């Protein structure tokens, strides 16, 4: 069922892209350059415009259907539960403290070696 809806969703997406690209450009971005008369700012509805709305509504419906199906599949389980493994147990191991000699500053004999040219 999910695969069928996904295939229909992809076909609707491609169809919506195609129909939008087929429409005539009105120019002047943000819908400022349309015909439709002096009083009305809305252009006449064409067949491509109606088809765009139809495909957009169908696309949104299939998106919601896919979301609902995905939510039903993942209800209350985690990835680790689906793999069959168990979560690693938290260990209460305290690391040992370093010796007192490791905390002292280095002496003169502990100075780092400087490379010498031979």
PDB file of N, CA and C in Angstrom:
ATOM      1  N   UNK A   1       0.826  -1.195   0.000  1.00  0.00           N
ATOM      2  CA  UNK A   1       0.000   0.000   0.000  1.00  0.00           C
ATOM      3  C   UNK A   1       0.873   1.263   0.000  1.00  0.00           C
ATOM      4  N   UNK A   2       1.911   1.219   0.849  1.00  0.00           N
ATOM      5  CA  UNK A   2       2.781   2.387   0.919  1.00  0.00           C
ATOM      6  C   UNK A   2       3.530   2.609  -0.395  1.00  0.00           C
ATOM      7  N   UNK A   3       3.937   1.522  -1.037  1.00  0.00           N
ATOM      8  CA  UNK A   3       4.645   1.652  -2.315  1.00  0.00           C
ATOM      9  C   UNK A   3       3.749   2.228  -3.397  1.00  0.00           C
ATOM     10  N   UNK A   4       2.493   1.845  -3.406  1.00  0.00           N
ATOM     11  CA  UNK A   4       1.551   2.366  -4.409  1.00  0.00           C
ATOM     12  C   UNK A   4       1.363   3.864  -4.218  1.00  0.00           C
ATOM     13  N   UNK A   5       1.166   4.284  -2.962  1.00  0.00           N
ATOM     14  CA  UNK A   5       0.990   5.711  -2.691  1.00  0.00           C
ATOM     15  C   UNK A   5       2.259   6.481  -3.033  1.00  0.00           C
ATOM     16  N   UNK A   6       3.406   5.892  -2.752  1.00  0.00           N
ATOM     17  CA  UNK A   6       4.673   6.554  -3.077  1.00  0.00           C
ATOM     18  C   UNK A   6       4.847   6.723  -4.584  1.00  0.00           C
ATOM     19  N   UNK A   7       4.491   5.713  -5.357  1.00  0.00           N
ATOM     20  CA  UNK A   7       4.600   5.819  -6.819  1.00  0.00           C
ATOM     21  C   UNK A   7       3.642   6.882  -7.350  1.00  0.00           C
ATOM     22  N   UNK A   8       2.403   6.895  -6.832  1.00  0.00           N
ATOM     23  CA  UNK A   8       1.428   7.931  -7.247  1.00  0.00           C
ATOM     24  C   UNK A   8       1.958   9.305  -6.860  1.00  0.00           C
ATOM     25  N   UNK A   9       2.564   9.410  -5.685  1.00  0.00           N
ATOM     26  CA  UNK A   9       3.123  10.678  -5.216  1.00  0.00           C
ATOM     27  C   UNK A   9       4.220  11.184  -6.160  1.00  0.00           C
ATOM     28  N   UNK A  10       5.104  10.286  -6.574  1.00  0.00           N
ATOM     29  CA  UNK A  10       6.174  10.680  -7.490  1.00  0.00           C
ATOM     30  C   UNK A  10       5.634  11.079  -8.857  1.00  0.00           C
ATOM     31  N   UNK A  11       4.626  10.367  -9.344  1.00  0.00           N
ATOM     32  CA  UNK A  11       4.013  10.724 -10.636  1.00  0.00           C
ATOM     33  C   UNK A  11       3.347  12.088 -10.532  1.00  0.00           C
ATOM     34  N   UNK A  12       2.656  12.345  -9.404  1.00  0.00           N
ATOM     35  CA  UNK A  12       2.035  13.660  -9.210  1.00  0.00           C
ATOM     36  C   UNK A  12       3.081  14.764  -9.154  1.00  0.00           C
ATOM     37  N   UNK A  13       4.210  14.499  -8.524  1.00  0.00           N
ATOM     38  CA  UNK A  13       5.273  15.508  -8.440  1.00  0.00           C
ATOM     39  C   UNK A  13       5.815  15.841  -9.831  1.00  0.00           C
ATOM     40  N   UNK A  14       6.066  14.810 -10.621  1.00  0.00           N
ATOM     41  CA  UNK A  14       6.553  15.054 -11.989  1.00  0.00           C
ATOM     42  C   UNK A  14       5.507  15.757 -12.841  1.00  0.00           C
ATOM     43  N   UNK A  15       4.251  15.355 -12.695  1.00  0.00           N
ATOM     44  CA  UNK A  15       3.169  16.015 -13.434  1.00  0.00           C
ATOM     45  C   UNK A  15       3.013  17.468 -13.031  1.00  0.00           C
ATOM     46  N   UNK A  16       3.130  17.741 -11.741  1.00  0.00           N
ATOM     47  CA  UNK A  16       3.022  19.124 -11.258  1.00  0.00           C
ATOM     48  C   UNK A  16       4.155  19.982 -11.795  1.00  0.00           C
ATOM     49  N   UNK A  17       5.352  19.434 -11.824  1.00  0.00           N
ATOM     50  CA  UNK A  17       6.500  20.166 -12.386  1.00  0.00           C
ATOM     51  C   UNK A  17       6.249  20.465 -13.863  1.00  0.00           C
ATOM     52  N   UNK A  18       5.796  19.453 -14.602  1.00  0.00           N
ATOM     53  CA  UNK A  18       5.541  19.642 -16.031  1.00  0.00           C
ATOM     54  C   UNK A  18       4.463  20.667 -16.311  1.00  0.00           C
ATOM     55  N   UNK A  19       3.361  20.630 -15.557  1.00  0.00           N
ATOM     56  CA  UNK A  19       2.254  21.567 -15.794  1.00  0.00           C
ATOM     57  C   UNK A  19       2.670  22.992 -15.451  1.00  0.00           C
ATOM     58  N   UNK A  20       3.443  23.158 -14.391  1.00  0.00           N
ATOM     59  CA  UNK A  20       3.894  24.502 -14.031  1.00  0.00           C
ATOM     60  C   UNK A  20       4.834  25.052 -15.101  1.00  0.00           C
ATOM     61  N   UNK A  21       5.703  24.198 -15.642  1.00  0.00           N
ATOM     62  CA  UNK A  21       6.625  24.664 -16.677  1.00  0.00           C
ATOM     63  C   UNK A  21       5.918  24.960 -17.993  1.00  0.00           C
ATOM     64  N   UNK A  22       4.783  24.333 -18.241  1.00  0.00           N
ATOM     65  CA  UNK A  22       4.039  24.585 -19.476  1.00  0.00           C
ATOM     66  C   UNK A  22       3.252  25.890 -19.441  1.00  0.00           C
ATOM     67  N   UNK A  23       2.989  26.419 -18.270  1.00  0.00           N
ATOM     68  CA  UNK A  23       2.180  27.625 -18.176  1.00  0.00           C
ATOM     69  C   UNK A  23       2.928  28.833 -18.705  1.00  0.00           C
ATOM     70  N   UNK A  24       2.163  29.774 -19.173  1.00  0.00           N
ATOM     71  CA  UNK A  24       2.719  30.999 -19.741  1.00  0.00           C
ATOM     72  C   UNK A  24       3.224  31.894 -18.627  1.00  0.00           C
ATOM     73  N   UNK A  25       4.415  32.418 -18.804  1.00  0.00           N
ATOM     74  CA  UNK A  25       4.976  33.332 -17.826  1.00  0.00           C
ATOM     75  C   UNK A  25       4.290  34.679 -17.952  1.00  0.00           C
ATOM     76  N   UNK A  26       3.884  35.233 -16.802  1.00  0.00           N
ATOM     77  CA  UNK A  26       3.226  36.534 -16.828  1.00  0.00           C
ATOM     78  C   UNK A  26       4.222  37.673 -16.673  1.00  0.00           C
ATOM     79  N   UNK A  27       5.438  37.356 -16.345  1.00  0.00           N
ATOM     80  CA  UNK A  27       6.465  38.377 -16.216  1.00  0.00           C
ATOM     81  C   UNK A  27       6.262  39.236 -14.981  1.00  0.00           C
ATOM     82  N   UNK A  28       7.222  40.070 -14.665  1.00  0.00           N
ATOM     83  CA  UNK A  28       7.120  40.998 -13.539  1.00  0.00           C
ATOM     84  C   UNK A  28       6.927  40.288 -12.226  1.00  0.00           C
ATOM     85  N   UNK A  29       7.768  39.552 -11.731  1.00  0.00           N
ATOM     86  CA  UNK A  29       7.698  38.689 -10.554  1.00  0.00           C
ATOM     87  C   UNK A  29       6.619  38.991  -9.538  1.00  0.00           C
ATOM     88  N   UNK A  30       6.294  38.038  -8.753  1.00  0.00           N
ATOM     89  CA  UNK A  30       5.312  38.094  -7.675  1.00  0.00           C
ATOM     90  C   UNK A  30       3.899  38.388  -8.183  1.00  0.00           C
ATOM     91  N   UNK A  31       3.578  37.969  -9.373  1.00  0.00           N
ATOM     92  CA  UNK A  31       2.211  38.079  -9.875  1.00  0.00           C
ATOM     93  C   UNK A  31       1.767  39.481 -10.198  1.00  0.00           C
ATOM     94  N   UNK A  32       2.674  40.373 -10.506  1.00  0.00           N
ATOM     95  CA  UNK A  32       2.297  41.757 -10.753  1.00  0.00           C
ATOM     96  C   UNK A  32       1.869  42.003 -12.189  1.00  0.00           C
ATOM     97  N   UNK A  33       2.192  41.108 -13.094  1.00  0.00           N
ATOM     98  CA  UNK A  33       1.903  41.422 -14.484  1.00  0.00           C
ATOM     99  C   UNK A  33       0.871  40.505 -15.094  1.00  0.00           C
ATOM    100  N   UNK A  34      -0.326  40.534 -14.656  1.00  0.00           N
ATOM    101  CA  UNK A  34      -1.341  39.655 -15.223  1.00  0.00           C
ATOM    102  C   UNK A  34      -2.434  40.432 -15.912  1.00  0.00           C
ATOM    103  N   UNK A  35      -3.078  39.780 -16.845  1.00  0.00           N
ATOM    104  CA  UNK A  35      -4.240  40.392 -17.476  1.00  0.00           C
ATOM    105  C   UNK A  35      -5.434  40.264 -16.561  1.00  0.00           C
ATOM    106  N   UNK A  36      -6.614  40.318 -17.084  1.00  0.00           N
ATOM    107  CA  UNK A  36      -7.791  40.106 -16.271  1.00  0.00           C
ATOM    108  C   UNK A  36      -8.637  41.345 -16.115  1.00  0.00           C
ATOM    109  N   UNK A  37      -8.325  42.412 -16.772  1.00  0.00           N
ATOM    110  CA  UNK A  37      -9.183  43.586 -16.705  1.00  0.00           C
ATOM    111  C   UNK A  37      -8.626  44.652 -15.797  1.00  0.00           C
ATOM    112  N   UNK A  38      -9.255  45.828 -15.878  1.00  0.00           N
ATOM    113  CA  UNK A  38      -8.788  46.964 -15.108  1.00  0.00           C
ATOM    114  C   UNK A  38      -9.235  46.881 -13.650  1.00  0.00           C
ATOM    115  N   UNK A  39     -10.391  46.285 -13.411  1.00  0.00           N
ATOM    116  CA  UNK A  39     -10.910  46.234 -12.052  1.00  0.00           C
ATOM    117  C   UNK A  39     -10.381  45.006 -11.312  1.00  0.00           C
ATOM    118  N   UNK A  40     -10.375  43.872 -11.983  1.00  0.00           N
ATOM    119  CA  UNK A  40      -9.971  42.621 -11.351  1.00  0.00           C
ATOM    120  C   UNK A  40      -8.462  42.429 -11.474  1.00  0.00           C
ATOM    121  N   UNK A  41      -7.811  42.095 -10.375  1.00  0.00           N
ATOM    122  CA  UNK A  41      -6.388  41.818 -10.404  1.00  0.00           C
ATOM    123  C   UNK A  41      -6.116  40.340 -10.647  1.00  0.00           C
ATOM    124  N   UNK A  42      -7.172  39.563 -10.836  1.00  0.00           N
ATOM    125  CA  UNK A  42      -7.024  38.120 -10.986  1.00  0.00           C
ATOM    126  C   UNK A  42      -7.171  37.734 -12.455  1.00  0.00           C
ATOM    127  N   UNK A  43      -6.245  36.903 -12.919  1.00  0.00           N
ATOM    128  CA  UNK A  43      -6.295  36.453 -14.305  1.00  0.00           C
ATOM    129  C   UNK A  43      -7.377  35.389 -14.470  1.00  0.00           C
ATOM    130  N   UNK A  44      -7.825  35.195 -15.696  1.00  0.00           N
ATOM    131  CA  UNK A  44      -8.828  34.181 -15.978  1.00  0.00           C
ATOM    132  C   UNK A  44      -8.237  32.793 -15.746  1.00  0.00           C
ATOM    133  N   UNK A  45      -9.057  31.884 -15.202  1.00  0.00           N
ATOM    134  CA  UNK A  45      -8.595  30.532 -14.921  1.00  0.00           C
ATOM    135  C   UNK A  45      -8.494  29.740 -16.214  1.00  0.00           C
ATOM    136  N   UNK A  46      -7.336  29.212 -16.499  1.00  0.00           N
ATOM    137  CA  UNK A  46      -7.137  28.406 -17.695  1.00  0.00           C
ATOM    138  C   UNK A  46      -7.190  26.936 -17.315  1.00  0.00           C
ATOM    139  N   UNK A  47      -7.179  26.091 -18.314  1.00  0.00           N
ATOM    140  CA  UNK A  47      -7.196  24.654 -18.057  1.00  0.00           C
ATOM    141  C   UNK A  47      -5.915  24.222 -17.335  1.00  0.00           C
ATOM    142  N   UNK A  48      -4.797  24.809 -17.721  1.00  0.00           N
ATOM    143  CA  UNK A  48      -3.548  24.470 -17.039  1.00  0.00           C
ATOM    144  C   UNK A  48      -3.549  24.946 -15.584  1.00  0.00           C
ATOM    145  N   UNK A  49      -4.156  26.074 -15.326  1.00  0.00           N
ATOM    146  CA  UNK A  49      -4.257  26.569 -13.960  1.00  0.00           C
ATOM    147  C   UNK A  49      -5.105  25.648 -13.095  1.00  0.00           C
ATOM    148  N   UNK A  50      -6.229  25.189 -13.651  1.00  0.00           N
ATOM    149  CA  UNK A  50      -7.090  24.258 -12.910  1.00  0.00           C
ATOM    150  C   UNK A  50      -6.392  22.919 -12.698  1.00  0.00           C
ATOM    151  N   UNK A  51      -5.661  22.457 -13.702  1.00  0.00           N
ATOM    152  CA  UNK A  51      -4.928  21.201 -13.580  1.00  0.00           C
ATOM    153  C   UNK A  51      -3.819  21.329 -12.532  1.00  0.00           C
ATOM    154  N   UNK A  52      -3.213  22.490 -12.446  1.00  0.00           N
ATOM    155  CA  UNK A  52      -2.184  22.726 -11.430  1.00  0.00           C
ATOM    156  C   UNK A  52      -2.777  22.608 -10.032  1.00  0.00           C
ATOM    157  N   UNK A  53      -3.932  23.221  -9.824  1.00  0.00           N
ATOM    158  CA  UNK A  53      -4.596  23.129  -8.523  1.00  0.00           C
ATOM    159  C   UNK A  53      -4.972  21.684  -8.202  1.00  0.00           C
ATOM    160  N   UNK A  54      -5.483  20.970  -9.173  1.00  0.00           N
ATOM    161  CA  UNK A  54      -5.883  19.578  -8.964  1.00  0.00           C
ATOM    162  C   UNK A  54      -4.672  18.718  -8.581  1.00  0.00           C
ATOM    163  N   UNK A  55      -3.582  18.872  -9.315  1.00  0.00           N
ATOM    164  CA  UNK A  55      -2.372  18.099  -9.008  1.00  0.00           C
ATOM    165  C   UNK A  55      -1.780  18.493  -7.652  1.00  0.00           C
ATOM    166  N   UNK A  56      -1.845  19.781  -7.313  1.00  0.00           N
ATOM    167  CA  UNK A  56      -1.315  20.235  -6.032  1.00  0.00           C
ATOM    168  C   UNK A  56      -2.117  19.657  -4.867  1.00  0.00           C
ATOM    169  N   UNK A  57      -3.430  19.634  -4.985  1.00  0.00           N
ATOM    170  CA  UNK A  57      -4.268  19.075  -3.929  1.00  0.00           C
ATOM    171  C   UNK A  57      -4.022  17.579  -3.793  1.00  0.00           C
ATOM    172  N   UNK A  58      -3.911  16.868  -4.917  1.00  0.00           N
ATOM    173  CA  UNK A  58      -3.630  15.431  -4.876  1.00  0.00           C
ATOM    174  C   UNK A  58      -2.251  15.166  -4.276  1.00  0.00           C
ATOM    175  N   UNK A  59      -1.267  16.013  -4.595  1.00  0.00           N
ATOM    176  CA  UNK A  59       0.089  15.874  -4.061  1.00  0.00           C
ATOM    177  C   UNK A  59       0.084  16.035  -2.535  1.00  0.00           C
ATOM    178  N   UNK A  60      -0.644  17.014  -2.036  1.00  0.00           N
ATOM    179  CA  UNK A  60      -0.721  17.238  -0.593  1.00  0.00           C
ATOM    180  C   UNK A  60      -1.423  16.071   0.095  1.00  0.00           C
ATOM    181  N   UNK A  61      -2.474  15.535  -0.525  1.00  0.00           N
ATOM    182  CA  UNK A  61      -3.191  14.391   0.060  1.00  0.00           C
ATOM    183  C   UNK A  61      -2.288  13.156   0.141  1.00  0.00           C
ATOM    184  N   UNK A  62      -1.519  12.889  -0.903  1.00  0.00           N
ATOM    185  CA  UNK A  62      -0.616  11.740  -0.850  1.00  0.00           C
ATOM    186  C   UNK A  62       0.516  11.978   0.158  1.00  0.00           C
ATOM    187  N   UNK A  63       0.941  13.233   0.323  1.00  0.00           N
ATOM    188  CA  UNK A  63       1.961  13.545   1.329  1.00  0.00           C
ATOM    189  C   UNK A  63       1.441  13.248   2.728  1.00  0.00           C
ATOM    190  N   UNK A  64       0.218  13.637   3.005  1.00  0.00           N
ATOM    191  CA  UNK A  64      -0.379  13.377   4.315  1.00  0.00           C
ATOM    192  C   UNK A  64      -0.557  11.875   4.525  1.00  0.00           C
ATOM    193  N   UNK A  65      -0.992  11.160   3.486  1.00  0.00           N
ATOM    194  CA  UNK A  65      -1.180   9.712   3.595  1.00  0.00           C
ATOM    195  C   UNK A  65       0.149   9.009   3.885  1.00  0.00           C
ATOM    196  N   UNK A  66       1.215   9.418   3.213  1.00  0.00           N
ATOM    197  CA  UNK A  66       2.528   8.824   3.460  1.00  0.00           C
ATOM    198  C   UNK A  66       3.026   9.131   4.874  1.00  0.00           C
ATOM    199  N   UNK A  67       2.728  10.318   5.371  1.00  0.00           N
ATOM    200  CA  UNK A  67       3.122  10.684   6.728  1.00  0.00           C
ATOM    201  C   UNK A  67       2.397   9.831   7.758  1.00  0.00           C
ATOM    202  N   UNK A  68       1.105   9.612   7.543  1.00  0.00           N
ATOM    203  CA  UNK A  68       0.323   8.792   8.462  1.00  0.00           C
ATOM    204  C   UNK A  68       0.833   7.349   8.452  1.00  0.00           C
ATOM    205  N   UNK A  69       1.110   6.812   7.275  1.00  0.00           N
ATOM    206  CA  UNK A  69       1.619   5.443   7.191  1.00  0.00           C
ATOM    207  C   UNK A  69       2.981   5.305   7.869  1.00  0.00           C
ATOM    208  N   UNK A  70       3.845   6.283   7.691  1.00  0.00           N
ATOM    209  CA  UNK A  70       5.167   6.236   8.321  1.00  0.00           C
ATOM    210  C   UNK A  70       5.043   6.349   9.840  1.00  0.00           C
ATOM    211  N   UNK A  71       4.100   7.141  10.328  1.00  0.00           N
ATOM    212  CA  UNK A  71       3.909   7.285  11.775  1.00  0.00           C
ATOM    213  C   UNK A  71       3.367   6.000  12.384  1.00  0.00           C
ATOM    214  N   UNK A  72       2.528   5.286  11.659  1.00  0.00           N
ATOM    215  CA  UNK A  72       1.994   4.023  12.171  1.00  0.00           C
ATOM    216  C   UNK A  72       3.084   2.956  12.248  1.00  0.00           C
ATOM    217  N   UNK A  73       3.994   2.964  11.298  1.00  0.00           N
ATOM    218  CA  UNK A  73       5.078   1.979  11.297  1.00  0.00           C
ATOM    219  C   UNK A  73       6.049   2.194  12.446  1.00  0.00           C
ATOM    220  N   UNK A  74       6.306   3.433  12.808  1.00  0.00           N
ATOM    221  CA  UNK A  74       7.345   3.754  13.783  1.00  0.00           C
ATOM    222  C   UNK A  74       6.786   4.031  15.168  1.00  0.00           C
ATOM    223  N   UNK A  75       5.579   3.635  15.447  1.00  0.00           N
ATOM    224  CA  UNK A  75       4.959   3.969  16.723  1.00  0.00           C
ATOM    225  C   UNK A  75       5.619   3.212  17.869  1.00  0.00           C
ATOM    226  N   UNK A  76       6.286   3.931  18.747  1.00  0.00           N
ATOM    227  CA  UNK A  76       6.797   3.375  19.981  1.00  0.00           C
ATOM    228  C   UNK A  76       8.011   2.478  19.873  1.00  0.00           C
ATOM    229  N   UNK A  77       8.701   2.452  18.773  1.00  0.00           N
ATOM    230  CA  UNK A  77       9.887   1.608  18.675  1.00  0.00           C
ATOM    231  C   UNK A  77      11.083   2.468  18.315  1.00  0.00           C
ATOM    232  N   UNK A  78      12.231   1.995  18.715  1.00  0.00           N
ATOM    233  CA  UNK A  78      13.452   2.694  18.355  1.00  0.00           C
ATOM    234  C   UNK A  78      14.228   1.856  17.353  1.00  0.00           C
ATOM    235  N   UNK A  79      15.279   2.396  16.842  1.00  0.00           N
ATOM    236  CA  UNK A  79      16.098   1.677  15.870  1.00  0.00           C
ATOM    237  C   UNK A  79      16.732   0.451  16.511  1.00  0.00           C
ATOM    238  N   UNK A  80      17.169   0.580  17.744  1.00  0.00           N
ATOM    239  CA  UNK A  80      17.801  -0.553  18.433  1.00  0.00           C
ATOM    240  C   UNK A  80      16.791  -1.674  18.656  1.00  0.00           C
ATOM    241  N   UNK A  81      15.545  -1.310  18.972  1.00  0.00           N
ATOM    242  CA  UNK A  81      14.509  -2.334  19.157  1.00  0.00           C
ATOM    243  C   UNK A  81      14.251  -3.094  17.864  1.00  0.00           C
ATOM    244  N   UNK A  82      14.273  -2.402  16.745  1.00  0.00           N
ATOM    245  CA  UNK A  82      14.027  -3.059  15.462  1.00  0.00           C
ATOM    246  C   UNK A  82      15.191  -3.947  15.038  1.00  0.00           C
ATOM    247  N   UNK A  83      16.395  -3.623  15.477  1.00  0.00           N
ATOM    248  CA  UNK A  83      17.552  -4.442  15.131  1.00  0.00           C
ATOM    249  C   UNK A  83      17.643  -5.691  15.998  1.00  0.00           C
ATOM    250  N   UNK A  84      16.948  -5.711  17.101  1.00  0.00           N
ATOM    251  CA  UNK A  84      16.956  -6.878  17.963  1.00  0.00           C
ATOM    252  C   UNK A  84      18.050  -6.843  19.011  1.00  0.00           C
ATOM    253  N   UNK A  85      18.828  -5.817  19.046  1.00  0.00           N
ATOM    254  CA  UNK A  85      19.893  -5.700  20.038  1.00  0.00           C
ATOM    255  C   UNK A  85      19.379  -5.028  21.285  1.00  0.00           C
ATOM    256  N   UNK A  86      20.215  -5.007  22.277  1.00  0.00           N
ATOM    257  CA  UNK A  86      19.838  -4.305  23.495  1.00  0.00           C
ATOM    258  C   UNK A  86      20.760  -3.104  23.664  1.00  0.00           C
ATOM    259  N   UNK A  87      20.266  -2.146  24.382  1.00  0.00           N
ATOM    260  CA  UNK A  87      21.052  -0.941  24.618  1.00  0.00           C
ATOM    261  C   UNK A  87      22.200  -1.267  25.559  1.00  0.00           C
ATOM    262  N   UNK A  88      23.353  -0.681  25.357  1.00  0.00           N
ATOM    263  CA  UNK A  88      24.480  -0.970  26.247  1.00  0.00           C
ATOM    264  C   UNK A  88      24.180  -0.472  27.661  1.00  0.00           C
ATOM    265  N   UNK A  89      24.525  -1.291  28.626  1.00  0.00           N
ATOM    266  CA  UNK A  89      24.276  -0.930  30.025  1.00  0.00           C
ATOM    267  C   UNK A  89      25.282   0.121  30.468  1.00  0.00           C
ATOM    268  N   UNK A  90      24.805   1.029  31.284  1.00  0.00           N
ATOM    269  CA  UNK A  90      25.689   2.071  31.813  1.00  0.00           C
ATOM    270  C   UNK A  90      26.548   1.475  32.913  1.00  0.00           C
ATOM    271  N   UNK A  91      27.840   1.657  32.804  1.00  0.00           N
ATOM    272  CA  UNK A  91      28.764   1.109  33.792  1.00  0.00           C
ATOM    273  C   UNK A  91      29.138   2.178  34.801  1.00  0.00           C
ATOM    274  N   UNK A  92      29.215   1.772  36.059  1.00  0.00           N
ATOM    275  CA  UNK A  92      29.570   2.698  37.128  1.00  0.00           C
ATOM    276  C   UNK A  92      31.031   2.529  37.529  1.00  0.00           C
ATOM    277  N   UNK A  93      31.906   2.425  36.576  1.00  0.00           N
ATOM    278  CA  UNK A  93      33.322   2.232  36.850  1.00  0.00           C
ATOM    279  C   UNK A  93      33.972   3.602  36.982  1.00  0.00           C
ATOM    280  N   UNK A  94      34.661   3.793  38.101  1.00  0.00           N
ATOM    281  CA  UNK A  94      35.363   5.050  38.332  1.00  0.00           C
ATOM    282  C   UNK A  94      36.815   4.850  37.924  1.00  0.00           C
ATOM    283  N   UNK A  95      37.351   5.708  37.067  1.00  0.00           N
ATOM    284  CA  UNK A  95      38.755   5.538  36.664  1.00  0.00           C
ATOM    285  C   UNK A  95      39.675   5.787  37.854  1.00  0.00           C
ATOM    286  N   UNK A  96      40.802   5.070  37.917  1.00  0.00           N
ATOM    287  CA  UNK A  96      41.725   5.253  39.054  1.00  0.00           C
ATOM    288  C   UNK A  96      42.400   6.619  38.990  1.00  0.00           C
ATOM    289  N   UNK A  97      42.720   7.140  40.174  1.00  0.00           N
ATOM    290  CA  UNK A  97      43.387   8.428  40.253  1.00  0.00           C
ATOM    291  C   UNK A  97      44.858   8.268  39.889  1.00  0.00           C
ATOM    292  N   UNK A  98      45.460   9.283  39.286  1.00  0.00           N
ATOM    293  CA  UNK A  98      46.886   9.187  38.958  1.00  0.00           C
ATOM    294  C   UNK A  98      47.746   9.249  40.223  1.00  0.00           C
ATOM    295  N   UNK A  99      48.973   8.740  40.100  1.00  0.00           N
ATOM    296  CA  UNK A  99      49.897   8.775  41.226  1.00  0.00           C
ATOM    297  C   UNK A  99      50.287  10.216  41.537  1.00  0.00           C
ATOM    298  N   UNK A 100      50.784  10.434  42.785  1.00  0.00           N
ATOM    299  CA  UNK A 100      51.153  11.786  43.200  1.00  0.00           C
ATOM    300  C   UNK A 100      52.353  12.293  42.412  1.00  0.00           C
ATOM    301  N   UNK A 101      53.252  11.395  41.970  1.00  0.00           N
ATOM    302  CA  UNK A 101      54.428  11.824  41.216  1.00  0.00           C
ATOM    303  C   UNK A 101      54.045  12.343  39.836  1.00  0.00           C
ATOM    304  N   UNK A 102      52.924  11.859  39.279  1.00  0.00           N
ATOM    305  CA  UNK A 102      52.497  12.329  37.961  1.00  0.00           C
ATOM    306  C   UNK A 102      51.935  13.745  38.017  1.00  0.00           C
ATOM    307  N   UNK A 103      51.559  14.193  39.222  1.00  0.00           N
ATOM    308  CA  UNK A 103      50.957  15.508  39.347  1.00  0.00           C
ATOM    309  C   UNK A 103      51.983  16.614  39.587  1.00  0.00           C
ATOM    310  N   UNK A 104      53.241  16.239  39.910  1.00  0.00           N
ATOM    311  CA  UNK A 104      54.270  17.226  40.176  1.00  0.00           C
ATOM    312  C   UNK A 104      54.795  17.817  38.873  1.00  0.00           C
ATOM    313  N   UNK A 105      55.287  19.070  38.936  1.00  0.00           N
ATOM    314  CA  UNK A 105      55.866  19.650  37.723  1.00  0.00           C
ATOM    315  C   UNK A 105      57.161  18.928  37.364  1.00  0.00           C
ATOM    316  N   UNK A 106      57.583  18.961  36.122  1.00  0.00           N
ATOM    317  CA  UNK A 106      58.798  18.249  35.716  1.00  0.00           C
ATOM    318  C   UNK A 106      60.037  18.895  36.330  1.00  0.00           C
ATOM    319  N   UNK A 107      61.037  18.062  36.615  1.00  0.00           N
ATOM    320  CA  UNK A 107      62.300  18.571  37.147  1.00  0.00           C
ATOM    321  C   UNK A 107      63.205  18.968  35.987  1.00  0.00           C
ATOM    322  N   UNK A 108      64.413  19.484  36.320  1.00  0.00           N
ATOM    323  CA  UNK A 108      65.320  19.920  35.269  1.00  0.00           C
ATOM    324  C   UNK A 108      65.789  18.774  34.398  1.00  0.00           C
ATOM    325  N   UNK A 109      65.911  17.606  34.946  1.00  0.00           N
ATOM    326  CA  UNK A 109      66.347  16.445  34.182  1.00  0.00           C
ATOM    327  C   UNK A 109      65.261  15.917  33.240  1.00  0.00           C
ATOM    328  N   UNK A 110      64.027  16.357  33.460  1.00  0.00           N
ATOM    329  CA  UNK A 110      62.905  15.891  32.632  1.00  0.00           C
ATOM    330  C   UNK A 110      62.613  16.835  31.468  1.00  0.00           C
ATOM    331  N   UNK A 111      63.501  17.787  31.221  1.00  0.00           N
ATOM    332  CA  UNK A 111      63.247  18.757  30.162  1.00  0.00           C
ATOM    333  C   UNK A 111      63.187  18.042  28.808  1.00  0.00           C
ATOM    334  N   UNK A 112      62.417  18.535  27.909  1.00  0.00           N
ATOM    335  CA  UNK A 112      62.308  17.885  26.592  1.00  0.00           C
ATOM    336  C   UNK A 112      63.620  18.008  25.826  1.00  0.00           C
ATOM    337  N   UNK A 113      63.894  17.023  25.024  1.00  0.00           N
ATOM    338  CA  UNK A 113      65.110  17.013  24.220  1.00  0.00           C
ATOM    339  C   UNK A 113      64.966  17.960  23.050  1.00  0.00           C
ATOM    340  N   UNK A 114      66.019  18.680  22.783  1.00  0.00           N
ATOM    341  CA  UNK A 114      66.019  19.612  21.668  1.00  0.00           C
ATOM    342  C   UNK A 114      66.819  18.988  20.540  1.00  0.00           C
ATOM    343  N   UNK A 115      66.309  18.952  19.334  1.00  0.00           N
ATOM    344  CA  UNK A 115      67.073  18.352  18.239  1.00  0.00           C
ATOM    345  C   UNK A 115      68.343  19.155  17.963  1.00  0.00           C
ATOM    346  N   UNK A 116      69.441  18.429  17.695  1.00  0.00           N
ATOM    347  CA  UNK A 116      70.730  19.063  17.414  1.00  0.00           C
ATOM    348  C   UNK A 116      71.172  18.692  16.017  1.00  0.00           C
ATOM    349  N   UNK A 117      71.774  19.631  15.350  1.00  0.00           N
ATOM    350  CA  UNK A 117      72.318  19.369  14.014  1.00  0.00           C
ATOM    351  C   UNK A 117      73.702  18.766  14.162  1.00  0.00           C
ATOM    352  N   UNK A 118      73.961  17.679  13.536  1.00  0.00           N
ATOM    353  CA  UNK A 118      75.275  17.012  13.616  1.00  0.00           C
ATOM    354  C   UNK A 118      76.206  17.498  12.559  1.00  0.00           C
TER     355      UNK A 118
END
